[in-house]
Amino acid sequence: MKKVFYLKTCDTCRKILAQFDLTGWEIREIKKDPVTENELAEMYGRTNSYEALFSKKSTQIKQRGLDVKSLTENDFKDLLLDHYSFLKRPVFMTDDRIFIGNDKKNLEELKAFFGVED
């Protein structure tokens, strides 16, 4: 299993996806086709943390008046299932690996996984 979860309106996501040969990967646009509860459980199985999957930059945080510091793991899970923008993206997932977000360390690991040089 090889899946990528991304948002097509996100320039950063598109730029990252363009760097890799995704032949054979299932590419999912999360606004049109949101993450399922089973997929979220698979992601959790690789991270042991819903918070690690949660985007603290989501505009929904301010709109909903959320205090991220007071959220529990269950709250993060519920929010991730409730609205696509709470997922930190892009997420690349294989049978045994997961790469979450666009931070520098994650992108370096992703490039190494794909064998891409800078």
N, C-alpha and C. Protein backbone atom coordinates (compact mmCIF):
# COMPACT_ATOMS: atom_id res chain seq x y z
N MET A 1 0.84 -1.18 0.00
CA MET A 1 0.00 0.00 0.00
C MET A 1 0.89 1.25 0.00
N LYS A 2 0.58 2.14 -0.91
CA LYS A 2 1.28 3.42 -0.99
C LYS A 2 0.22 4.47 -1.25
N LYS A 3 0.09 5.42 -0.31
CA LYS A 3 -0.92 6.47 -0.44
C LYS A 3 -0.30 7.82 -0.12
N VAL A 4 -0.81 8.83 -0.82
CA VAL A 4 -0.45 10.21 -0.53
C VAL A 4 -1.76 10.97 -0.29
N PHE A 5 -1.80 11.71 0.80
CA PHE A 5 -2.95 12.55 1.11
C PHE A 5 -2.48 14.00 1.00
N TYR A 6 -3.19 14.78 0.18
CA TYR A 6 -2.76 16.16 -0.04
C TYR A 6 -3.98 17.03 -0.32
N LEU A 7 -3.74 18.33 -0.40
CA LEU A 7 -4.79 19.28 -0.71
C LEU A 7 -4.38 19.99 -2.01
N LYS A 8 -5.25 19.90 -3.02
CA LYS A 8 -4.87 20.43 -4.34
C LYS A 8 -4.74 21.94 -4.37
N THR A 9 -5.36 22.65 -3.43
CA THR A 9 -5.24 24.10 -3.39
C THR A 9 -4.00 24.56 -2.63
N CYS A 10 -3.24 23.62 -2.13
CA CYS A 10 -2.03 23.94 -1.36
C CYS A 10 -0.82 23.90 -2.29
N ASP A 11 -0.22 25.06 -2.53
CA ASP A 11 0.95 25.14 -3.41
C ASP A 11 2.10 24.29 -2.88
N THR A 12 2.28 24.28 -1.57
CA THR A 12 3.37 23.51 -0.97
C THR A 12 3.19 22.02 -1.25
N CYS A 13 1.96 21.52 -1.08
CA CYS A 13 1.67 20.11 -1.37
C CYS A 13 2.00 19.79 -2.82
N ARG A 14 1.53 20.61 -3.73
CA ARG A 14 1.75 20.36 -5.16
C ARG A 14 3.25 20.37 -5.49
N LYS A 15 3.96 21.30 -4.90
CA LYS A 15 5.41 21.40 -5.13
C LYS A 15 6.12 20.14 -4.63
N ILE A 16 5.73 19.65 -3.46
CA ILE A 16 6.35 18.46 -2.89
C ILE A 16 6.03 17.23 -3.74
N LEU A 17 4.78 17.05 -4.10
CA LEU A 17 4.38 15.89 -4.91
C LEU A 17 5.10 15.86 -6.25
N ALA A 18 5.34 17.03 -6.81
CA ALA A 18 5.98 17.12 -8.13
C ALA A 18 7.43 16.62 -8.11
N GLN A 19 8.03 16.54 -6.93
CA GLN A 19 9.43 16.11 -6.82
C GLN A 19 9.63 14.61 -6.95
N PHE A 20 8.53 13.84 -6.85
CA PHE A 20 8.65 12.39 -6.76
C PHE A 20 7.89 11.66 -7.86
N ASP A 21 8.39 10.49 -8.21
CA ASP A 21 7.69 9.61 -9.14
C ASP A 21 6.66 8.83 -8.32
N LEU A 22 5.41 9.18 -8.47
CA LEU A 22 4.34 8.57 -7.68
C LEU A 22 3.58 7.49 -8.45
N THR A 23 4.23 6.92 -9.48
CA THR A 23 3.64 5.81 -10.21
C THR A 23 3.37 4.67 -9.22
N GLY A 24 2.15 4.16 -9.23
CA GLY A 24 1.79 3.08 -8.31
C GLY A 24 1.26 3.55 -6.97
N TRP A 25 1.25 4.86 -6.75
CA TRP A 25 0.75 5.41 -5.50
C TRP A 25 -0.71 5.83 -5.68
N GLU A 26 -1.51 5.63 -4.64
CA GLU A 26 -2.86 6.18 -4.62
C GLU A 26 -2.74 7.63 -4.14
N ILE A 27 -3.18 8.56 -4.95
CA ILE A 27 -3.06 9.98 -4.62
C ILE A 27 -4.45 10.50 -4.27
N ARG A 28 -4.62 10.94 -3.02
CA ARG A 28 -5.92 11.34 -2.53
C ARG A 28 -5.98 12.83 -2.21
N GLU A 29 -6.92 13.49 -2.81
CA GLU A 29 -7.17 14.90 -2.53
C GLU A 29 -8.17 14.93 -1.38
N ILE A 30 -7.73 15.39 -0.21
CA ILE A 30 -8.50 15.21 1.03
C ILE A 30 -9.74 16.08 1.16
N LYS A 31 -9.83 17.14 0.39
CA LYS A 31 -11.06 17.94 0.45
C LYS A 31 -12.18 17.19 -0.26
N LYS A 32 -11.87 16.63 -1.42
CA LYS A 32 -12.85 15.91 -2.22
C LYS A 32 -13.13 14.51 -1.65
N ASP A 33 -12.09 13.88 -1.11
CA ASP A 33 -12.17 12.50 -0.63
C ASP A 33 -11.47 12.41 0.73
N PRO A 34 -12.16 12.83 1.80
CA PRO A 34 -11.53 12.91 3.13
C PRO A 34 -10.98 11.58 3.65
N VAL A 35 -10.07 11.70 4.58
CA VAL A 35 -9.49 10.54 5.25
C VAL A 35 -10.60 9.80 6.00
N THR A 36 -10.58 8.49 5.88
CA THR A 36 -11.59 7.67 6.58
C THR A 36 -11.10 7.34 7.99
N GLU A 37 -12.02 6.84 8.79
CA GLU A 37 -11.65 6.44 10.15
C GLU A 37 -10.61 5.32 10.12
N ASN A 38 -10.76 4.38 9.18
CA ASN A 38 -9.78 3.28 9.06
C ASN A 38 -8.41 3.80 8.64
N GLU A 39 -8.38 4.74 7.70
CA GLU A 39 -7.10 5.32 7.27
C GLU A 39 -6.44 6.09 8.40
N LEU A 40 -7.25 6.82 9.16
CA LEU A 40 -6.70 7.55 10.29
C LEU A 40 -6.14 6.57 11.32
N ALA A 41 -6.81 5.44 11.52
CA ALA A 41 -6.32 4.41 12.44
C ALA A 41 -4.98 3.85 11.94
N GLU A 42 -4.85 3.67 10.62
CA GLU A 42 -3.58 3.21 10.05
C GLU A 42 -2.47 4.23 10.31
N MET A 43 -2.79 5.51 10.11
CA MET A 43 -1.81 6.57 10.36
C MET A 43 -1.41 6.57 11.83
N TYR A 44 -2.40 6.44 12.69
CA TYR A 44 -2.14 6.41 14.13
C TYR A 44 -1.23 5.23 14.48
N GLY A 45 -1.45 4.11 13.82
CA GLY A 45 -0.64 2.92 14.06
C GLY A 45 0.84 3.14 13.78
N ARG A 46 1.15 4.09 12.93
CA ARG A 46 2.55 4.39 12.60
C ARG A 46 3.11 5.53 13.44
N THR A 47 2.25 6.33 14.02
CA THR A 47 2.72 7.49 14.79
C THR A 47 2.45 7.38 16.29
N ASN A 48 1.42 6.61 16.66
CA ASN A 48 0.94 6.52 18.05
C ASN A 48 0.57 7.88 18.60
N SER A 49 0.15 8.79 17.69
CA SER A 49 -0.23 10.13 18.12
C SER A 49 -1.11 10.79 17.07
N TYR A 50 -2.32 11.16 17.49
CA TYR A 50 -3.17 11.94 16.59
C TYR A 50 -2.65 13.36 16.50
N GLU A 51 -2.05 13.84 17.57
CA GLU A 51 -1.50 15.20 17.57
C GLU A 51 -0.42 15.36 16.49
N ALA A 52 0.37 14.31 16.27
CA ALA A 52 1.43 14.36 15.24
C ALA A 52 0.84 14.54 13.85
N LEU A 53 -0.41 14.14 13.67
CA LEU A 53 -1.08 14.25 12.37
C LEU A 53 -1.85 15.56 12.23
N PHE A 54 -1.94 16.31 13.30
CA PHE A 54 -2.79 17.49 13.39
C PHE A 54 -2.06 18.75 12.96
N SER A 55 -2.67 19.50 12.06
CA SER A 55 -2.08 20.77 11.61
C SER A 55 -2.49 21.89 12.55
N LYS A 56 -1.52 22.43 13.24
CA LYS A 56 -1.79 23.53 14.17
C LYS A 56 -1.88 24.86 13.43
N LYS A 57 -1.80 24.80 12.09
CA LYS A 57 -1.94 25.99 11.26
C LYS A 57 -3.32 26.06 10.59
N SER A 58 -4.18 25.10 10.87
CA SER A 58 -5.50 25.07 10.24
C SER A 58 -6.29 26.33 10.60
N THR A 59 -6.92 26.91 9.60
CA THR A 59 -7.75 28.10 9.84
C THR A 59 -8.97 27.76 10.70
N GLN A 60 -9.32 26.48 10.75
CA GLN A 60 -10.46 26.04 11.55
C GLN A 60 -10.22 26.23 13.05
N ILE A 61 -8.98 26.26 13.46
CA ILE A 61 -8.66 26.43 14.88
C ILE A 61 -9.20 27.77 15.38
N LYS A 62 -8.88 28.83 14.66
CA LYS A 62 -9.34 30.16 15.04
C LYS A 62 -10.85 30.28 14.86
N GLN A 63 -11.36 29.77 13.73
CA GLN A 63 -12.80 29.86 13.46
C GLN A 63 -13.63 29.17 14.54
N ARG A 64 -13.11 28.09 15.09
CA ARG A 64 -13.84 27.34 16.11
C ARG A 64 -13.47 27.75 17.53
N GLY A 65 -12.51 28.65 17.64
CA GLY A 65 -12.09 29.11 18.96
C GLY A 65 -11.44 28.02 19.79
N LEU A 66 -10.67 27.16 19.14
CA LEU A 66 -10.04 26.03 19.83
C LEU A 66 -8.76 26.45 20.55
N ASP A 67 -8.57 25.89 21.73
CA ASP A 67 -7.31 26.04 22.46
C ASP A 67 -6.56 24.73 22.27
N VAL A 68 -5.63 24.72 21.34
CA VAL A 68 -4.93 23.49 20.97
C VAL A 68 -4.23 22.85 22.16
N LYS A 69 -3.71 23.67 23.05
CA LYS A 69 -2.97 23.15 24.21
C LYS A 69 -3.86 22.33 25.14
N SER A 70 -5.16 22.57 25.10
CA SER A 70 -6.06 21.85 26.00
C SER A 70 -6.68 20.60 25.35
N LEU A 71 -6.35 20.35 24.09
CA LEU A 71 -6.95 19.22 23.39
C LEU A 71 -6.32 17.89 23.80
N THR A 72 -7.14 16.86 23.88
CA THR A 72 -6.67 15.51 24.19
C THR A 72 -6.44 14.75 22.89
N GLU A 73 -5.85 13.58 22.98
CA GLU A 73 -5.66 12.74 21.79
C GLU A 73 -7.01 12.44 21.13
N ASN A 74 -8.03 12.19 21.95
CA ASN A 74 -9.36 11.91 21.40
C ASN A 74 -9.92 13.13 20.67
N ASP A 75 -9.66 14.33 21.22
CA ASP A 75 -10.09 15.57 20.56
C ASP A 75 -9.42 15.70 19.19
N PHE A 76 -8.10 15.44 19.16
CA PHE A 76 -7.38 15.51 17.89
C PHE A 76 -7.98 14.53 16.88
N LYS A 77 -8.27 13.31 17.32
CA LYS A 77 -8.86 12.30 16.44
C LYS A 77 -10.19 12.80 15.88
N ASP A 78 -11.06 13.28 16.77
CA ASP A 78 -12.38 13.74 16.33
C ASP A 78 -12.27 14.89 15.34
N LEU A 79 -11.36 15.82 15.59
CA LEU A 79 -11.19 16.97 14.69
C LEU A 79 -10.63 16.54 13.34
N LEU A 80 -9.69 15.60 13.36
CA LEU A 80 -9.12 15.09 12.10
C LEU A 80 -10.19 14.44 11.24
N LEU A 81 -11.13 13.77 11.87
CA LEU A 81 -12.21 13.12 11.12
C LEU A 81 -13.29 14.12 10.71
N ASP A 82 -13.37 15.23 11.43
CA ASP A 82 -14.42 16.21 11.19
C ASP A 82 -14.15 17.13 10.00
N HIS A 83 -12.88 17.53 9.82
CA HIS A 83 -12.58 18.50 8.77
C HIS A 83 -11.21 18.23 8.17
N TYR A 84 -11.14 18.21 6.85
CA TYR A 84 -9.91 17.88 6.13
C TYR A 84 -8.74 18.80 6.46
N SER A 85 -9.01 20.05 6.80
CA SER A 85 -7.91 21.00 6.99
C SER A 85 -7.12 20.75 8.27
N PHE A 86 -7.62 19.88 9.14
CA PHE A 86 -6.88 19.58 10.36
C PHE A 86 -5.73 18.59 10.12
N LEU A 87 -5.70 17.93 8.97
CA LEU A 87 -4.63 16.98 8.69
C LEU A 87 -3.38 17.73 8.23
N LYS A 88 -2.27 17.48 8.92
CA LYS A 88 -0.99 18.05 8.51
C LYS A 88 -0.63 17.38 7.20
N ARG A 89 -0.24 18.15 6.21
CA ARG A 89 -0.06 17.58 4.89
C ARG A 89 1.18 18.11 4.19
N PRO A 90 1.61 17.35 3.17
CA PRO A 90 1.06 16.08 2.70
C PRO A 90 1.44 14.93 3.63
N VAL A 91 0.70 13.83 3.50
CA VAL A 91 1.02 12.60 4.23
C VAL A 91 1.30 11.52 3.19
N PHE A 92 2.50 10.95 3.27
CA PHE A 92 2.89 9.83 2.43
C PHE A 92 2.89 8.61 3.35
N MET A 93 2.16 7.57 2.96
CA MET A 93 2.06 6.39 3.83
C MET A 93 2.29 5.12 3.02
N THR A 94 3.14 4.26 3.56
CA THR A 94 3.36 2.94 2.97
C THR A 94 2.95 1.90 4.01
N ASP A 95 3.19 0.63 3.71
CA ASP A 95 2.82 -0.42 4.66
C ASP A 95 3.50 -0.26 6.02
N ASP A 96 4.70 0.32 6.03
CA ASP A 96 5.41 0.41 7.30
C ASP A 96 6.01 1.79 7.60
N ARG A 97 5.80 2.76 6.74
CA ARG A 97 6.37 4.10 6.95
C ARG A 97 5.30 5.16 6.79
N ILE A 98 5.56 6.31 7.42
CA ILE A 98 4.69 7.47 7.24
C ILE A 98 5.56 8.72 7.27
N PHE A 99 5.25 9.64 6.39
CA PHE A 99 5.94 10.93 6.31
C PHE A 99 4.85 11.98 6.39
N ILE A 100 4.93 12.86 7.39
CA ILE A 100 3.85 13.80 7.66
C ILE A 100 4.34 15.24 7.57
N GLY A 101 3.67 16.01 6.73
CA GLY A 101 3.92 17.45 6.71
C GLY A 101 5.05 17.88 5.80
N ASN A 102 5.38 19.17 5.92
CA ASN A 102 6.35 19.76 5.01
C ASN A 102 7.57 20.35 5.72
N ASP A 103 7.81 19.91 6.96
CA ASP A 103 8.99 20.44 7.64
C ASP A 103 10.26 19.86 7.02
N LYS A 104 11.35 20.53 7.22
CA LYS A 104 12.61 20.21 6.55
C LYS A 104 13.06 18.77 6.82
N LYS A 105 13.00 18.33 8.07
CA LYS A 105 13.44 16.97 8.43
C LYS A 105 12.60 15.93 7.70
N ASN A 106 11.30 16.12 7.68
CA ASN A 106 10.41 15.18 7.00
C ASN A 106 10.71 15.12 5.50
N LEU A 107 10.91 16.28 4.90
CA LEU A 107 11.20 16.32 3.46
C LEU A 107 12.53 15.64 3.13
N GLU A 108 13.53 15.79 4.01
CA GLU A 108 14.81 15.12 3.80
C GLU A 108 14.63 13.60 3.87
N GLU A 109 13.84 13.12 4.84
CA GLU A 109 13.58 11.68 4.96
C GLU A 109 12.81 11.16 3.75
N LEU A 110 11.87 11.96 3.27
CA LEU A 110 11.07 11.59 2.10
C LEU A 110 11.95 11.49 0.86
N LYS A 111 12.85 12.44 0.67
CA LYS A 111 13.77 12.41 -0.48
C LYS A 111 14.68 11.19 -0.40
N ALA A 112 15.15 10.86 0.80
CA ALA A 112 15.99 9.68 0.97
C ALA A 112 15.19 8.41 0.64
N PHE A 113 13.93 8.36 1.07
CA PHE A 113 13.07 7.22 0.79
C PHE A 113 12.89 7.02 -0.71
N PHE A 114 12.71 8.10 -1.43
CA PHE A 114 12.51 8.04 -2.88
C PHE A 114 13.84 8.02 -3.65
N GLY A 115 14.95 8.22 -2.96
CA GLY A 115 16.25 8.25 -3.62
C GLY A 115 16.47 9.47 -4.46
N VAL A 116 15.91 10.59 -4.02
CA VAL A 116 16.01 11.85 -4.76
C VAL A 116 17.12 12.72 -4.13
N GLU A 117 17.98 13.23 -4.99
CA GLU A 117 19.06 14.12 -4.54
C GLU A 117 18.59 15.56 -4.57
N ASP A 118 19.15 16.40 -3.72
CA ASP A 118 18.81 17.84 -3.73
C ASP A 118 19.39 18.52 -4.93
